[in-house]
Amino acid sequence: MRITVRYLGPASSFSNSPGEILEFAGPVSLQEVMDTLTARHNISFTPPAWAFLLNGRGVTGENWADILIEADAEITILPHLSGG
């Protein structure tokens, strides 16, 4: 299974890449994907500083271990922008 990761804005600077593809043998939790990215880049992309899209939909930071990815997917990591 492939997880395509796109880094937008400063996230691409921290990861030294505009994106990458991760390969997993089977279903994986979003937490496992984020742990893999943290280990690769030595930076934790955690809220509230970062926002995440999974297949184009926003993801909250509280339940990553409960979100199971069962098919090829795309994750976008971008700076969290708060409106005022």
N, C-alpha and C. Protein backbone atom coordinates (compact mmCIF):
# COMPACT_ATOMS: atom_id res chain seq x y z
N MET A 1 0.84 -1.17 0.00
CA MET A 1 0.00 0.00 0.00
C MET A 1 0.89 1.23 0.00
N ARG A 2 0.48 2.23 -0.76
CA ARG A 2 1.28 3.46 -0.88
C ARG A 2 0.58 4.62 -0.20
N ILE A 3 1.37 5.36 0.56
CA ILE A 3 0.91 6.61 1.15
C ILE A 3 1.77 7.71 0.55
N THR A 4 1.15 8.59 -0.22
CA THR A 4 1.85 9.72 -0.80
C THR A 4 1.75 10.88 0.19
N VAL A 5 2.89 11.44 0.53
CA VAL A 5 2.93 12.55 1.49
C VAL A 5 3.38 13.80 0.75
N ARG A 6 2.59 14.87 0.87
CA ARG A 6 2.96 16.16 0.29
C ARG A 6 3.19 17.15 1.41
N TYR A 7 4.26 17.90 1.31
CA TYR A 7 4.60 18.92 2.30
C TYR A 7 4.40 20.28 1.66
N LEU A 8 3.60 21.13 2.29
CA LEU A 8 3.36 22.47 1.75
C LEU A 8 3.99 23.53 2.65
N GLY A 9 4.43 24.62 2.03
CA GLY A 9 5.01 25.73 2.79
C GLY A 9 6.23 25.29 3.58
N PRO A 10 6.34 25.75 4.82
CA PRO A 10 7.51 25.44 5.64
C PRO A 10 7.71 23.94 5.88
N ALA A 11 6.66 23.15 5.75
CA ALA A 11 6.81 21.71 5.96
C ALA A 11 7.81 21.13 4.98
N SER A 12 7.86 21.67 3.76
CA SER A 12 8.82 21.16 2.78
C SER A 12 10.25 21.51 3.18
N SER A 13 10.44 22.63 3.87
CA SER A 13 11.78 22.99 4.34
C SER A 13 12.23 22.06 5.45
N PHE A 14 11.33 21.77 6.39
CA PHE A 14 11.68 20.90 7.51
C PHE A 14 11.94 19.47 7.05
N SER A 15 11.23 19.02 6.04
CA SER A 15 11.40 17.65 5.56
C SER A 15 12.47 17.56 4.47
N ASN A 16 12.93 18.72 3.98
CA ASN A 16 13.89 18.79 2.88
C ASN A 16 13.35 18.14 1.61
N SER A 17 12.04 18.20 1.43
CA SER A 17 11.42 17.57 0.27
C SER A 17 10.01 18.11 0.07
N PRO A 18 9.55 18.21 -1.19
CA PRO A 18 8.16 18.60 -1.41
C PRO A 18 7.20 17.43 -1.20
N GLY A 19 7.75 16.22 -1.11
CA GLY A 19 6.89 15.05 -0.91
C GLY A 19 7.68 13.76 -0.96
N GLU A 20 6.98 12.68 -0.64
CA GLU A 20 7.60 11.36 -0.69
C GLU A 20 6.50 10.30 -0.72
N ILE A 21 6.90 9.08 -1.00
CA ILE A 21 5.97 7.96 -1.01
C ILE A 21 6.44 6.93 0.01
N LEU A 22 5.53 6.56 0.90
CA LEU A 22 5.81 5.54 1.90
C LEU A 22 5.11 4.26 1.48
N GLU A 23 5.75 3.14 1.69
CA GLU A 23 5.18 1.82 1.36
C GLU A 23 4.92 1.06 2.65
N PHE A 24 3.73 0.50 2.77
CA PHE A 24 3.36 -0.34 3.91
C PHE A 24 2.80 -1.65 3.37
N ALA A 25 3.00 -2.72 4.13
CA ALA A 25 2.56 -4.06 3.69
C ALA A 25 1.05 -4.22 3.73
N GLY A 26 0.39 -3.49 4.61
CA GLY A 26 -1.06 -3.63 4.74
C GLY A 26 -1.64 -2.41 5.42
N PRO A 27 -2.87 -2.52 5.93
CA PRO A 27 -3.50 -1.38 6.60
C PRO A 27 -2.61 -0.82 7.71
N VAL A 28 -2.66 0.49 7.85
CA VAL A 28 -1.79 1.18 8.80
C VAL A 28 -2.58 2.34 9.42
N SER A 29 -2.30 2.62 10.67
CA SER A 29 -2.97 3.76 11.31
C SER A 29 -2.25 5.05 10.91
N LEU A 30 -2.98 6.15 10.98
CA LEU A 30 -2.36 7.44 10.70
C LEU A 30 -1.23 7.69 11.70
N GLN A 31 -1.37 7.22 12.93
CA GLN A 31 -0.31 7.38 13.93
C GLN A 31 0.98 6.70 13.48
N GLU A 32 0.87 5.50 12.92
CA GLU A 32 2.06 4.78 12.43
C GLU A 32 2.72 5.53 11.29
N VAL A 33 1.92 6.13 10.41
CA VAL A 33 2.48 6.92 9.30
C VAL A 33 3.22 8.13 9.87
N MET A 34 2.60 8.83 10.83
CA MET A 34 3.23 10.01 11.39
C MET A 34 4.49 9.64 12.17
N ASP A 35 4.48 8.51 12.86
CA ASP A 35 5.69 8.05 13.57
C ASP A 35 6.82 7.76 12.58
N THR A 36 6.48 7.19 11.43
CA THR A 36 7.47 6.92 10.39
C THR A 36 8.07 8.22 9.88
N LEU A 37 7.22 9.23 9.64
CA LEU A 37 7.72 10.52 9.17
C LEU A 37 8.60 11.20 10.22
N THR A 38 8.20 11.11 11.48
CA THR A 38 9.00 11.69 12.56
C THR A 38 10.38 11.04 12.62
N ALA A 39 10.43 9.73 12.49
CA ALA A 39 11.72 9.02 12.52
C ALA A 39 12.59 9.39 11.32
N ARG A 40 11.99 9.55 10.16
CA ARG A 40 12.77 9.87 8.95
C ARG A 40 13.34 11.28 8.97
N HIS A 41 12.58 12.24 9.49
CA HIS A 41 12.95 13.64 9.37
C HIS A 41 13.36 14.29 10.69
N ASN A 42 13.27 13.55 11.78
CA ASN A 42 13.64 14.06 13.09
C ASN A 42 12.87 15.32 13.46
N ILE A 43 11.62 15.38 13.03
CA ILE A 43 10.72 16.47 13.40
C ILE A 43 9.33 15.88 13.55
N SER A 44 8.63 16.35 14.55
CA SER A 44 7.27 15.86 14.79
C SER A 44 6.28 16.86 14.22
N PHE A 45 5.56 16.45 13.19
CA PHE A 45 4.54 17.30 12.59
C PHE A 45 3.25 17.15 13.40
N THR A 46 3.18 17.83 14.55
CA THR A 46 2.02 17.67 15.41
C THR A 46 1.24 18.98 15.51
N PRO A 47 -0.07 18.84 15.71
CA PRO A 47 -0.89 20.03 15.96
C PRO A 47 -0.45 20.68 17.26
N PRO A 48 -0.65 21.94 17.49
CA PRO A 48 -1.42 22.85 16.65
C PRO A 48 -0.60 23.54 15.58
N ALA A 49 0.70 23.30 15.53
CA ALA A 49 1.54 23.99 14.54
C ALA A 49 1.28 23.53 13.11
N TRP A 50 0.84 22.30 12.95
CA TRP A 50 0.65 21.72 11.61
C TRP A 50 -0.78 21.25 11.43
N ALA A 51 -1.25 21.34 10.20
CA ALA A 51 -2.57 20.83 9.85
C ALA A 51 -2.38 19.68 8.87
N PHE A 52 -3.34 18.76 8.84
CA PHE A 52 -3.22 17.56 8.01
C PHE A 52 -4.48 17.34 7.20
N LEU A 53 -4.27 16.91 5.98
CA LEU A 53 -5.37 16.47 5.13
C LEU A 53 -5.12 15.01 4.77
N LEU A 54 -6.12 14.19 4.90
CA LEU A 54 -6.05 12.79 4.48
C LEU A 54 -7.03 12.66 3.34
N ASN A 55 -6.48 12.43 2.14
CA ASN A 55 -7.30 12.38 0.93
C ASN A 55 -8.17 13.62 0.80
N GLY A 56 -7.57 14.78 1.12
CA GLY A 56 -8.24 16.06 0.94
C GLY A 56 -9.16 16.50 2.06
N ARG A 57 -9.28 15.71 3.11
CA ARG A 57 -10.16 16.06 4.23
C ARG A 57 -9.33 16.31 5.49
N GLY A 58 -9.72 17.32 6.25
CA GLY A 58 -9.00 17.66 7.47
C GLY A 58 -9.05 16.55 8.51
N VAL A 59 -7.96 16.42 9.25
CA VAL A 59 -7.85 15.40 10.29
C VAL A 59 -7.48 16.09 11.60
N THR A 60 -8.19 15.75 12.69
CA THR A 60 -7.84 16.31 13.99
C THR A 60 -6.71 15.50 14.60
N GLY A 61 -6.02 16.09 15.57
CA GLY A 61 -4.85 15.45 16.16
C GLY A 61 -5.14 14.47 17.27
N GLU A 62 -6.37 14.38 17.73
CA GLU A 62 -6.65 13.55 18.90
C GLU A 62 -6.75 12.06 18.62
N ASN A 63 -7.08 11.68 17.41
CA ASN A 63 -7.43 10.28 17.18
C ASN A 63 -6.63 9.60 16.07
N TRP A 64 -5.38 9.95 15.93
CA TRP A 64 -4.59 9.38 14.85
C TRP A 64 -4.50 7.86 14.92
N ALA A 65 -4.40 7.31 16.12
CA ALA A 65 -4.28 5.86 16.26
C ALA A 65 -5.57 5.16 15.84
N ASP A 66 -6.69 5.86 15.88
CA ASP A 66 -7.98 5.28 15.52
C ASP A 66 -8.29 5.38 14.03
N ILE A 67 -7.51 6.15 13.30
CA ILE A 67 -7.77 6.32 11.87
C ILE A 67 -6.97 5.27 11.11
N LEU A 68 -7.66 4.30 10.55
CA LEU A 68 -7.02 3.21 9.83
C LEU A 68 -7.05 3.51 8.33
N ILE A 69 -5.91 3.46 7.72
CA ILE A 69 -5.79 3.67 6.27
C ILE A 69 -5.69 2.29 5.64
N GLU A 70 -6.67 1.94 4.83
CA GLU A 70 -6.75 0.59 4.28
C GLU A 70 -6.47 0.50 2.78
N ALA A 71 -6.24 1.64 2.14
CA ALA A 71 -5.96 1.66 0.70
C ALA A 71 -4.98 2.79 0.43
N ASP A 72 -4.44 2.83 -0.79
CA ASP A 72 -3.55 3.92 -1.15
C ASP A 72 -4.19 5.24 -0.77
N ALA A 73 -3.38 6.16 -0.26
CA ALA A 73 -3.92 7.43 0.23
C ALA A 73 -2.90 8.54 0.04
N GLU A 74 -3.39 9.78 0.21
CA GLU A 74 -2.52 10.94 0.15
C GLU A 74 -2.69 11.74 1.43
N ILE A 75 -1.56 12.11 2.03
CA ILE A 75 -1.55 12.95 3.21
C ILE A 75 -0.85 14.25 2.83
N THR A 76 -1.47 15.36 3.18
CA THR A 76 -0.86 16.67 2.96
C THR A 76 -0.60 17.29 4.32
N ILE A 77 0.62 17.78 4.52
CA ILE A 77 1.02 18.44 5.76
C ILE A 77 1.30 19.90 5.43
N LEU A 78 0.63 20.81 6.16
CA LEU A 78 0.80 22.22 5.90
C LEU A 78 0.76 22.99 7.21
N PRO A 79 1.27 24.22 7.22
CA PRO A 79 1.23 25.02 8.45
C PRO A 79 -0.22 25.26 8.84
N HIS A 80 -0.50 25.18 10.14
CA HIS A 80 -1.86 25.45 10.61
C HIS A 80 -2.05 26.96 10.62
N LEU A 81 -3.06 27.41 9.94
CA LEU A 81 -3.36 28.84 9.86
C LEU A 81 -4.61 29.12 10.67
N SER A 82 -4.48 29.98 11.64
CA SER A 82 -5.67 30.32 12.44
C SER A 82 -6.21 31.66 11.96
N GLY A 83 -7.49 31.70 11.77
CA GLY A 83 -8.14 32.93 11.30
C GLY A 83 -8.52 33.82 12.47
N GLY A 84 -8.73 35.06 12.19
CA GLY A 84 -9.08 35.96 13.26
C GLY A 84 -10.12 36.96 12.84
